[in-house]
Amino acid sequence: MRDNFLVTRRRLLQWSGGLLAAAAFRPRDAAAAEVVSDVMARLSTYMSGAAALTLPDAVVEKTKHLILDTLAAMISGSELPPGRFAIQFARTYGGEKVATVAASMVVCGPIEAALANGMLAHSDETDDTHPPSQSHPGCAAVPAALAVGEKFGIDGTRFLRAVTLGYDIGPRVTATLGKLQYMVESHRSTHGISGTFCAAASAGCAAGLTAQQMRWLLSYTAQQTSGLASWQRDTDHIEKAFDFGGMPSRNGVTSALLVQAGGTGVDDVLSGADNFFQAFVPKNDPTMVIDKLGERFEITRTDIKKWTVGAPIQAPLDALDTLLKRNHFEPAQVKQVVVRVATDEATIVNNREIPDICLQHLFAVMLIDKTVSFKSAHDTPRMKDPAVLRERAKVQLVGDEALERLMPQRTAIVEVTLVDGKTFSERVGTVRGTAANPMTREDVIAKARDLIVPVLGAATSQKLIDTVFDIENVKNVRDLRPLLQR
């Protein structure tokens, strides 16, 4: 019986091997065509046509704002530990000299540059945020478009459209999955997932992929989809920079370059056996990934941070800033400060070890300094300053269920009680820089100058700003290199 089993098994393996060998050498167009779902057909067609899509003026303007804001985050991030680490990593494992690493003289391979620039862009909490999807699109989309754009020498218009496309695809994926609630329940990071699809779309557009190639790009991207919510335990922000920006940028660029080099893949990873949605189990209808695609541009729903701190702290700082300017009280006069934010948001910023995402610390800094600057938000030694600790002890953070129900609108209520019994209160629901209360071009430029000038100097900073707002006349994105290098 055992001999018969061995013979049968041997023959089965031989037959299987023959079939596999035959399949391996079968021309792709002779193989049985895979059925492509309507969702995938519409998504891949839109992605392949994005490079030639004429965008509304408001979308073009907002994209320029976010390109500049992300480049500023990359440049200022070079002064922080995650950025310094990323530059050194790229210098050590550089590869072919193709793409620029911001705020350095490093020129390396596009995959390495995307990883480094992604980490630079999220070296702190300066970069943008997209509340409807619980993601940071810019730190993935811009580095990916820049790296692949430099490789293929694309012009400024294509670069801008590639960035816009990244914002349209990545956030739709994690909005479909279920954003913050999905992250809490699945322990997967929406930031890593969204960023990977952002970067892939931007890189694919920069590489000029066809609709068929975009389908393969999405399949390679689905295979690389990664990221755990454990980033919340990172106390140095280096792994967090990798999770939010470096890893997604690297993954997306890898997908695009594999397909551009001739790699083929599954025609529809969004449907059929073992598809992406079966694996990731979205909380919403999967057709959300193409909802109003080409009509609603997600870049217009992306927030630029007025304060260079974590997104959940933006509204609270706005509220305290208003109270200070209106009532002119000093730290010694303050008895207690109660801050109410959404419950899930409170868990992200409650007594964190990192200064720019620790609400209590930043409130103490603002009480003393009357503002929060980029420098003060990243002054880690100051977290042990007795004067700061004295004010920090007065700050009470409360997770509010009623405010949680208002998400993705981040609303804060700040109540200040003075020693003499006087009480002041301020509620902020549309913080400056949000879609409902956007920053002007002048606001964005002022923030960019504050971040770029200390690193690159005033003259180079101004030329970079001018070039971004005239990006349509840039013949080759490689021309940005001398404006980004230190």
Protein backbone atom coordinates (compact mmCIF):
# COMPACT_ATOMS: atom_id res chain seq x y z
CA MET A 1 0.00 0.00 0.00
CA ARG A 2 2.82 2.41 0.96
CA ASP A 3 4.66 1.67 -2.33
CA ASN A 4 1.49 2.40 -4.31
CA PHE A 5 1.09 5.67 -2.39
CA LEU A 6 4.68 6.70 -3.16
CA VAL A 7 4.27 5.91 -6.86
CA THR A 8 1.03 7.83 -7.01
CA ARG A 9 2.50 10.81 -5.18
CA ARG A 10 5.60 10.73 -7.38
CA ARG A 11 3.48 10.68 -10.53
CA LEU A 12 1.33 13.50 -9.17
CA LEU A 13 4.39 15.65 -8.54
CA GLN A 14 5.70 14.88 -12.03
CA TRP A 15 2.39 15.80 -13.64
CA SER A 16 2.15 18.97 -11.53
CA GLY A 17 5.71 19.90 -12.42
CA GLY A 18 4.96 19.45 -16.09
CA LEU A 19 1.88 21.62 -15.85
CA LEU A 20 3.76 24.30 -13.93
CA ALA A 21 6.60 24.25 -16.45
CA ALA A 22 4.14 24.59 -19.31
CA ALA A 23 2.37 27.45 -17.55
CA ALA A 24 5.64 29.22 -16.91
CA PHE A 25 6.45 29.36 -20.62
CA ARG A 26 2.91 30.04 -21.84
CA PRO A 27 2.58 33.52 -23.38
CA ARG A 28 0.54 35.73 -21.10
CA ASP A 29 -2.01 36.64 -23.79
CA ALA A 30 -2.67 32.96 -24.43
CA ALA A 31 -3.59 32.33 -20.79
CA ALA A 32 -7.18 32.46 -19.68
CA ALA A 33 -8.07 36.11 -19.19
CA GLU A 34 -8.85 37.07 -15.64
CA VAL A 35 -12.17 38.82 -15.11
CA VAL A 36 -11.59 42.39 -13.99
CA SER A 37 -14.24 43.93 -11.76
CA ASP A 38 -15.88 47.23 -12.54
CA VAL A 39 -14.21 48.77 -9.48
CA MET A 40 -10.74 47.77 -10.66
CA ALA A 41 -11.45 48.79 -14.27
CA ARG A 42 -12.60 52.25 -13.25
CA LEU A 43 -9.79 52.70 -10.72
CA SER A 44 -6.95 51.61 -13.02
CA THR A 45 -8.33 53.60 -15.97
CA TYR A 46 -8.53 56.75 -13.86
CA MET A 47 -5.02 56.23 -12.49
CA SER A 48 -3.51 55.74 -15.95
CA GLY A 49 -5.22 58.87 -17.26
CA ALA A 50 -4.28 61.10 -14.32
CA ALA A 51 -1.09 62.38 -15.95
CA ALA A 52 -3.14 64.03 -18.71
CA LEU A 53 -6.05 65.14 -16.52
CA THR A 54 -6.75 68.86 -16.42
CA LEU A 55 -7.31 69.68 -12.77
CA PRO A 56 -9.56 72.44 -11.38
CA ASP A 57 -7.68 75.61 -10.46
CA ALA A 58 -8.49 75.19 -6.75
CA VAL A 59 -7.03 71.66 -6.80
CA VAL A 60 -3.86 72.85 -8.53
CA GLU A 61 -3.42 75.61 -5.95
CA LYS A 62 -4.00 73.26 -3.00
CA THR A 63 -1.55 70.72 -4.46
CA LYS A 64 1.11 73.41 -4.66
CA HIS A 65 0.43 74.27 -1.01
CA LEU A 66 0.91 70.66 0.00
CA ILE A 67 4.00 70.08 -2.14
CA LEU A 68 5.63 73.10 -0.49
CA ASP A 69 4.43 72.08 2.96
CA THR A 70 5.85 68.57 2.53
CA LEU A 71 9.17 69.79 1.14
CA ALA A 72 9.40 72.15 4.13
CA ALA A 73 8.72 69.22 6.46
CA MET A 74 11.46 67.21 4.73
CA ILE A 75 13.97 70.03 5.01
CA SER A 76 13.22 70.92 8.63
CA GLY A 77 13.14 67.22 9.48
CA SER A 78 16.80 66.96 8.56
CA GLU A 79 17.61 68.71 11.85
CA LEU A 80 15.87 66.04 13.94
CA PRO A 81 17.06 62.53 14.92
CA PRO A 82 14.79 60.62 12.47
CA GLY A 83 15.91 62.85 9.60
CA ARG A 84 19.59 62.64 10.45
CA PHE A 85 19.26 58.87 10.64
CA ALA A 86 17.47 58.70 7.28
CA ILE A 87 20.13 60.79 5.52
CA GLN A 88 22.92 58.67 6.95
CA PHE A 89 21.11 55.49 5.92
CA ALA A 90 20.72 56.76 2.35
CA ARG A 91 24.37 57.81 2.29
CA THR A 92 25.45 54.32 3.37
CA TYR A 93 23.09 52.31 1.12
CA GLY A 94 22.84 54.77 -1.73
CA GLY A 95 22.65 52.78 -4.95
CA GLU A 96 22.72 54.47 -8.35
CA LYS A 97 22.95 58.29 -8.24
CA VAL A 98 19.50 59.14 -9.56
CA ALA A 99 17.37 60.86 -6.93
CA THR A 100 17.84 63.66 -4.39
CA VAL A 101 17.70 63.30 -0.61
CA ALA A 102 16.47 66.62 0.74
CA ALA A 103 18.66 68.88 2.90
CA SER A 104 21.81 66.89 2.07
CA MET A 105 24.24 66.33 -0.78
CA VAL A 106 23.18 62.68 -1.08
CA VAL A 107 22.03 61.50 -4.51
CA CYS A 108 21.05 57.84 -4.59
CA GLY A 109 18.69 55.25 -6.05
CA PRO A 110 14.99 56.16 -6.26
CA ILE A 111 13.91 53.49 -3.78
CA GLU A 112 16.48 54.63 -1.21
CA ALA A 113 15.65 58.30 -1.82
CA ALA A 114 11.94 57.66 -1.38
CA LEU A 115 12.56 55.90 1.92
CA ALA A 116 14.85 58.67 3.21
CA ASN A 117 12.64 61.56 2.07
CA GLY A 118 9.56 59.86 3.47
CA MET A 119 11.23 59.63 6.87
CA LEU A 120 12.41 63.23 6.57
CA ALA A 121 8.86 64.37 5.83
CA HIS A 122 7.55 62.71 8.99
CA SER A 123 10.54 63.34 11.22
CA ASP A 124 8.09 65.22 13.40
CA GLU A 125 4.44 66.32 13.29
CA THR A 126 4.92 69.11 10.73
CA ASP A 127 3.42 67.31 7.73
CA ASP A 128 -0.20 67.32 6.60
CA THR A 129 -3.05 65.09 7.74
CA HIS A 130 -6.22 63.77 6.10
CA PRO A 131 -8.85 63.29 8.85
CA PRO A 132 -11.45 61.43 6.73
CA SER A 133 -8.98 58.56 6.25
CA GLN A 134 -6.76 58.76 9.35
CA SER A 135 -3.64 59.24 7.27
CA HIS A 136 -0.75 61.55 6.37
CA PRO A 137 -0.70 61.50 2.54
CA GLY A 138 2.02 64.05 1.82
CA CYS A 139 4.94 62.24 3.45
CA ALA A 140 4.34 59.33 1.05
CA ALA A 141 3.00 60.93 -2.14
CA VAL A 142 5.54 63.74 -2.55
CA PRO A 143 8.73 61.68 -1.90
CA ALA A 144 7.47 58.94 -4.24
CA ALA A 145 6.57 61.32 -7.06
CA LEU A 146 9.88 63.13 -6.67
CA ALA A 147 12.03 59.98 -6.67
CA VAL A 148 10.37 58.38 -9.71
CA GLY A 149 10.02 61.75 -11.39
CA GLU A 150 13.77 62.29 -11.15
CA LYS A 151 14.43 58.82 -12.53
CA PHE A 152 12.33 59.43 -15.63
CA GLY A 153 12.88 63.19 -15.94
CA ILE A 154 9.23 64.21 -15.80
CA ASP A 155 8.10 67.82 -16.02
CA GLY A 156 6.52 69.88 -13.27
CA THR A 157 2.95 69.47 -14.47
CA ARG A 158 3.19 65.70 -14.42
CA PHE A 159 4.81 65.86 -10.98
CA LEU A 160 1.91 67.94 -9.66
CA ARG A 161 -0.68 65.57 -11.14
CA ALA A 162 1.16 62.55 -9.74
CA VAL A 163 1.02 64.06 -6.26
CA THR A 164 -2.69 64.84 -6.61
CA LEU A 165 -3.38 61.25 -7.68
CA GLY A 166 -1.57 59.88 -4.63
CA TYR A 167 -3.86 61.89 -2.37
CA ASP A 168 -6.89 60.56 -4.26
CA ILE A 169 -6.02 56.86 -3.96
CA GLY A 170 -4.39 56.20 -0.56
CA PRO A 171 -6.96 57.99 1.61
CA ARG A 172 -9.85 56.32 -0.22
CA VAL A 173 -8.41 52.93 0.70
CA THR A 174 -8.27 53.54 4.44
CA ALA A 175 -11.55 55.46 4.46
CA THR A 176 -13.03 52.29 2.97
CA LEU A 177 -11.33 50.13 5.57
CA GLY A 178 -12.77 52.27 8.37
CA LYS A 179 -10.03 54.79 9.39
CA LEU A 180 -9.41 55.15 13.16
CA GLN A 181 -11.99 52.57 14.24
CA TYR A 182 -10.40 50.11 11.83
CA MET A 183 -6.95 50.75 13.30
CA VAL A 184 -8.23 50.29 16.85
CA GLU A 185 -10.00 47.01 16.07
CA SER A 186 -7.49 45.46 13.64
CA HIS A 187 -4.25 46.80 15.19
CA ARG A 188 -3.15 47.73 11.65
CA SER A 189 -1.87 51.22 10.92
CA THR A 190 -4.09 53.21 8.58
CA HIS A 191 -1.15 55.58 8.11
CA GLY A 192 1.07 52.85 6.68
CA ILE A 193 -1.70 51.38 4.52
CA SER A 194 -2.88 54.68 3.07
CA GLY A 195 0.68 55.89 2.54
CA THR A 196 1.65 52.78 0.61
CA PHE A 197 -1.24 53.24 -1.84
CA CYS A 198 -0.55 57.01 -1.99
CA ALA A 199 3.04 56.43 -2.95
CA ALA A 200 2.24 53.69 -5.44
CA ALA A 201 -0.30 55.85 -7.26
CA SER A 202 2.03 58.85 -7.38
CA ALA A 203 4.97 56.73 -8.50
CA GLY A 204 2.87 54.91 -11.10
CA CYS A 205 1.71 58.20 -12.57
CA ALA A 206 5.28 59.53 -12.66
CA ALA A 207 6.39 56.30 -14.38
CA GLY A 208 3.68 56.61 -17.05
CA LEU A 209 2.01 53.24 -16.45
CA THR A 210 -0.90 52.07 -18.59
CA ALA A 211 -4.25 50.94 -17.16
CA GLN A 212 -3.12 47.30 -17.32
CA GLN A 213 0.14 48.18 -15.59
CA MET A 214 -1.75 50.14 -12.94
CA ARG A 215 -3.69 46.95 -12.13
CA TRP A 216 -0.42 45.10 -11.65
CA LEU A 217 0.91 48.05 -9.63
CA LEU A 218 -2.06 47.75 -7.28
CA SER A 219 -1.43 44.03 -6.91
CA TYR A 220 2.24 44.55 -6.00
CA THR A 221 1.13 47.31 -3.63
CA ALA A 222 -1.47 45.09 -1.96
CA GLN A 223 1.25 42.51 -1.34
CA GLN A 224 3.36 45.17 0.37
CA THR A 225 0.54 46.67 2.43
CA SER A 226 1.85 46.78 5.96
CA GLY A 227 2.02 48.74 9.17
CA LEU A 228 0.98 48.04 12.75
CA ALA A 229 -0.57 50.42 15.26
CA SER A 230 2.34 49.58 17.53
CA TRP A 231 3.97 52.75 16.16
CA GLN A 232 2.18 54.46 19.07
CA ARG A 233 4.76 52.88 21.40
CA ASP A 234 7.75 54.36 19.56
CA THR A 235 9.32 56.91 21.89
CA ASP A 236 12.05 58.19 19.53
CA HIS A 237 9.84 58.86 16.46
CA ILE A 238 12.36 57.07 14.23
CA GLU A 239 10.26 53.97 13.64
CA LYS A 240 7.17 56.18 13.39
CA ALA A 241 8.89 58.19 10.64
CA PHE A 242 9.56 54.93 8.85
CA ASP A 243 5.99 53.66 9.37
CA PHE A 244 4.26 56.85 8.16
CA GLY A 245 6.62 58.03 5.44
CA GLY A 246 9.69 55.92 4.74
CA MET A 247 8.14 52.48 4.38
CA PRO A 248 5.09 53.61 2.34
CA SER A 249 7.24 55.69 -0.01
CA ARG A 250 9.69 52.83 -0.51
CA ASN A 251 6.87 50.33 -1.08
CA GLY A 252 5.05 52.48 -3.61
CA VAL A 253 8.17 53.29 -5.60
CA THR A 254 9.16 49.62 -5.59
CA SER A 255 5.76 48.64 -7.00
CA ALA A 256 6.00 51.22 -9.78
CA LEU A 257 9.56 50.38 -10.78
CA LEU A 258 8.88 46.63 -10.81
CA VAL A 259 5.95 47.08 -13.17
CA GLN A 260 7.71 49.68 -15.31
CA ALA A 261 10.60 47.24 -15.71
CA GLY A 262 8.24 44.59 -17.10
CA GLY A 263 6.89 42.86 -14.02
CA THR A 264 3.40 41.42 -14.39
CA GLY A 265 0.96 40.42 -11.68
CA VAL A 266 -2.60 39.66 -10.71
CA ASP A 267 -5.04 41.58 -12.90
CA ASP A 268 -7.52 42.35 -10.13
CA VAL A 269 -6.33 42.16 -6.56
CA LEU A 270 -9.57 43.79 -5.38
CA SER A 271 -11.80 40.87 -6.40
CA GLY A 272 -11.57 37.12 -6.94
CA ALA A 273 -9.95 34.53 -4.73
CA ASP A 274 -7.90 35.79 -1.77
CA ASN A 275 -8.36 39.42 -2.74
CA PHE A 276 -7.31 42.50 -0.78
CA PHE A 277 -10.71 43.19 0.72
CA GLN A 278 -11.12 39.58 1.87
CA ALA A 279 -7.77 39.86 3.63
CA PHE A 280 -8.29 43.28 5.19
CA VAL A 281 -12.07 43.08 5.85
CA PRO A 282 -13.21 46.69 5.39
CA LYS A 283 -15.92 48.20 7.58
CA ASN A 284 -17.43 49.92 4.52
CA ASP A 285 -18.56 48.98 1.02
CA PRO A 286 -15.45 48.35 -1.15
CA THR A 287 -16.90 50.56 -3.90
CA MET A 288 -15.90 53.49 -1.69
CA VAL A 289 -12.43 53.29 -3.24
CA ILE A 290 -13.84 54.84 -6.42
CA ASP A 291 -16.49 57.04 -4.79
CA LYS A 292 -16.60 60.38 -6.69
CA LEU A 293 -13.18 59.69 -8.17
CA GLY A 294 -12.44 62.59 -10.49
CA GLU A 295 -15.15 64.73 -8.85
CA ARG A 296 -14.03 64.96 -5.23
CA PHE A 297 -10.30 65.52 -4.89
CA GLU A 298 -9.04 64.32 -1.52
CA ILE A 299 -6.26 66.88 -1.54
CA THR A 300 -8.93 69.53 -0.91
CA ARG A 301 -9.94 67.66 2.26
CA THR A 302 -6.36 67.52 3.56
CA ASP A 303 -5.33 69.70 6.49
CA ILE A 304 -2.15 71.73 6.67
CA LYS A 305 -1.01 72.09 10.26
CA LYS A 306 -0.78 75.61 11.59
CA TRP A 307 1.09 74.28 14.61
CA THR A 308 4.05 71.92 14.05
CA VAL A 309 2.63 69.33 16.44
CA GLY A 310 0.43 66.23 16.35
CA ALA A 311 -2.92 66.68 14.59
CA PRO A 312 -5.08 66.02 17.69
CA ILE A 313 -3.37 68.97 19.44
CA GLN A 314 -4.09 71.53 16.71
CA ALA A 315 -7.57 72.53 17.88
CA PRO A 316 -6.63 72.60 21.60
CA LEU A 317 -3.67 74.91 20.91
CA ASP A 318 -5.85 77.16 18.78
CA ALA A 319 -8.31 77.40 21.67
CA LEU A 320 -5.63 78.20 24.26
CA ASP A 321 -4.02 80.71 21.90
CA THR A 322 -7.36 82.54 21.60
CA LEU A 323 -7.89 82.53 25.37
CA LEU A 324 -4.41 83.92 26.02
CA LYS A 325 -4.80 86.73 23.50
CA ARG A 326 -8.28 87.62 24.72
CA ASN A 327 -7.71 87.45 28.48
CA HIS A 328 -3.97 88.12 28.95
CA PHE A 329 -3.39 85.85 31.97
CA GLU A 330 0.01 84.68 33.22
CA PRO A 331 1.03 81.13 34.26
CA ALA A 332 1.05 82.02 37.96
CA GLN A 333 -2.60 83.08 37.71
CA VAL A 334 -3.69 79.67 36.35
CA LYS A 335 -5.10 77.11 38.74
CA GLN A 336 -6.28 74.46 36.27
CA VAL A 337 -6.68 73.83 32.55
CA VAL A 338 -9.17 71.20 31.36
CA VAL A 339 -8.87 70.07 27.74
CA ARG A 340 -11.62 68.00 26.12
CA VAL A 341 -11.00 66.16 22.85
CA ALA A 342 -12.41 63.03 21.18
CA THR A 343 -11.77 59.87 23.20
CA ASP A 344 -9.61 58.11 20.62
CA GLU A 345 -7.66 61.30 19.95
CA ALA A 346 -6.95 61.67 23.67
CA THR A 347 -5.21 58.29 23.77
CA ILE A 348 -2.77 59.41 21.05
CA VAL A 349 -1.56 62.59 22.79
CA ASN A 350 -1.95 61.80 26.49
CA ASN A 351 1.32 62.31 28.39
CA ARG A 352 3.47 61.06 25.49
CA GLU A 353 7.27 60.89 25.75
CA ILE A 354 7.74 62.92 22.56
CA PRO A 355 7.28 66.68 23.04
CA ASP A 356 5.44 67.47 19.80
CA ILE A 357 2.72 64.87 20.46
CA CYS A 358 2.35 65.40 24.20
CA LEU A 359 -0.66 67.65 24.81
CA GLN A 360 0.04 68.39 28.47
CA HIS A 361 3.64 69.41 27.73
CA LEU A 362 2.70 71.67 24.81
CA PHE A 363 0.01 73.39 26.87
CA ALA A 364 2.60 74.10 29.54
CA VAL A 365 4.95 75.52 26.90
CA MET A 366 2.21 77.76 25.48
CA LEU A 367 1.23 79.01 28.93
CA ILE A 368 4.84 80.12 29.49
CA ASP A 369 5.85 81.25 25.96
CA LYS A 370 2.41 82.45 24.80
CA THR A 371 2.92 80.41 21.62
CA VAL A 372 4.42 77.14 20.37
CA SER A 373 7.18 77.34 17.75
CA PHE A 374 8.85 74.59 15.75
CA LYS A 375 11.87 74.90 18.04
CA SER A 376 9.94 74.75 21.31
CA ALA A 377 7.78 71.85 20.09
CA HIS A 378 10.91 69.76 19.54
CA ASP A 379 12.90 70.74 22.63
CA THR A 380 13.03 67.37 24.39
CA PRO A 381 15.23 68.50 27.33
CA ARG A 382 12.60 71.08 28.17
CA MET A 383 10.22 68.28 29.11
CA LYS A 384 12.24 68.06 32.36
CA ASP A 385 12.32 71.81 33.02
CA PRO A 386 10.82 72.42 36.51
CA ALA A 387 8.95 75.52 35.27
CA VAL A 388 7.34 73.50 32.46
CA LEU A 389 6.53 70.59 34.78
CA ARG A 390 4.87 72.99 37.21
CA GLU A 391 2.47 74.22 34.52
CA ARG A 392 2.02 70.75 33.05
CA ALA A 393 0.67 69.52 36.39
CA LYS A 394 -2.23 71.94 35.98
CA VAL A 395 -3.38 70.42 32.67
CA GLN A 396 -6.09 67.76 32.68
CA LEU A 397 -6.92 65.91 29.45
CA VAL A 398 -10.43 64.44 29.09
CA GLY A 399 -11.60 62.08 26.37
CA ASP A 400 -15.10 63.23 25.42
CA GLU A 401 -17.56 60.79 23.80
CA ALA A 402 -19.67 63.64 22.40
CA LEU A 403 -16.61 65.04 20.59
CA GLU A 404 -15.73 61.55 19.38
CA ARG A 405 -19.05 61.45 17.53
CA LEU A 406 -18.03 64.57 15.60
CA MET A 407 -14.96 62.91 14.10
CA PRO A 408 -13.31 63.29 11.61
CA GLN A 409 -13.81 66.92 12.62
CA ARG A 410 -11.32 67.40 15.43
CA THR A 411 -13.05 69.57 18.02
CA ALA A 412 -11.57 70.77 21.30
CA ILE A 413 -12.98 72.53 24.34
CA VAL A 414 -10.48 74.26 26.62
CA GLU A 415 -11.48 75.65 30.01
CA VAL A 416 -9.03 77.72 32.05
CA THR A 417 -9.70 78.35 35.75
CA LEU A 418 -7.67 81.08 37.44
CA VAL A 419 -6.59 81.18 41.07
CA ASP A 420 -9.11 83.98 41.75
CA GLY A 421 -11.97 81.78 40.54
CA LYS A 422 -12.47 83.31 37.09
CA THR A 423 -13.15 80.79 34.34
CA PHE A 424 -12.61 81.14 30.58
CA SER A 425 -13.72 78.64 27.94
CA GLU A 426 -13.16 78.27 24.20
CA ARG A 427 -14.43 75.70 21.72
CA VAL A 428 -12.65 75.16 18.39
CA GLY A 429 -14.01 72.88 15.68
CA THR A 430 -12.50 74.38 12.54
CA VAL A 431 -8.84 74.89 13.32
CA ARG A 432 -6.81 77.04 10.97
CA GLY A 433 -5.46 74.92 8.13
CA THR A 434 -8.43 72.56 7.94
CA ALA A 435 -10.59 72.28 4.85
CA ALA A 436 -13.28 74.34 6.56
CA ASN A 437 -10.81 77.05 7.60
CA PRO A 438 -7.96 76.82 5.09
CA MET A 439 -4.63 78.60 5.26
CA THR A 440 -3.99 81.14 2.52
CA ARG A 441 -1.04 80.96 0.15
CA GLU A 442 0.64 83.60 2.31
CA ASP A 443 0.02 81.50 5.45
CA VAL A 444 1.58 78.43 3.84
CA ILE A 445 4.58 80.42 2.62
CA ALA A 446 5.13 81.92 6.08
CA LYS A 447 5.14 78.46 7.64
CA ALA A 448 7.49 77.16 4.93
CA ARG A 449 9.94 80.00 5.46
CA ASP A 450 10.03 79.31 9.19
CA LEU A 451 10.95 75.69 8.49
CA ILE A 452 13.27 76.07 5.48
CA VAL A 453 15.29 79.25 6.08
CA PRO A 454 17.22 77.94 9.14
CA VAL A 455 18.44 75.00 7.05
CA LEU A 456 18.90 76.29 3.48
CA GLY A 457 19.08 80.06 3.95
CA ALA A 458 16.75 82.83 2.83
CA ALA A 459 17.77 83.05 -0.83
CA THR A 460 17.46 79.34 -1.62
CA SER A 461 14.25 79.13 0.39
CA GLN A 462 12.65 81.93 -1.62
CA LYS A 463 13.71 80.39 -4.92
CA LEU A 464 12.26 77.02 -3.90
CA ILE A 465 8.98 78.65 -2.88
CA ASP A 466 8.79 80.57 -6.16
CA THR A 467 9.56 77.41 -8.16
CA VAL A 468 6.85 75.35 -6.46
CA PHE A 469 4.22 77.97 -7.23
CA ASP A 470 5.43 78.05 -10.83
CA ILE A 471 5.78 74.26 -11.08
CA GLU A 472 4.04 74.12 -14.50
CA ASN A 473 7.08 75.80 -16.04
CA VAL A 474 9.59 73.33 -14.60
CA LYS A 475 10.83 71.28 -17.54
CA ASN A 476 12.41 68.54 -15.46
CA VAL A 477 11.92 67.89 -11.74
CA ARG A 478 15.65 67.24 -11.51
CA ASP A 479 15.90 71.04 -11.67
CA LEU A 480 14.59 71.07 -8.08
CA ARG A 481 17.76 69.35 -6.85
CA PRO A 482 19.94 72.42 -6.19
CA LEU A 483 17.00 74.02 -4.36
CA LEU A 484 16.62 71.05 -2.03
CA GLN A 485 20.27 70.33 -1.26
CA ARG A 486 22.08 71.69 1.77
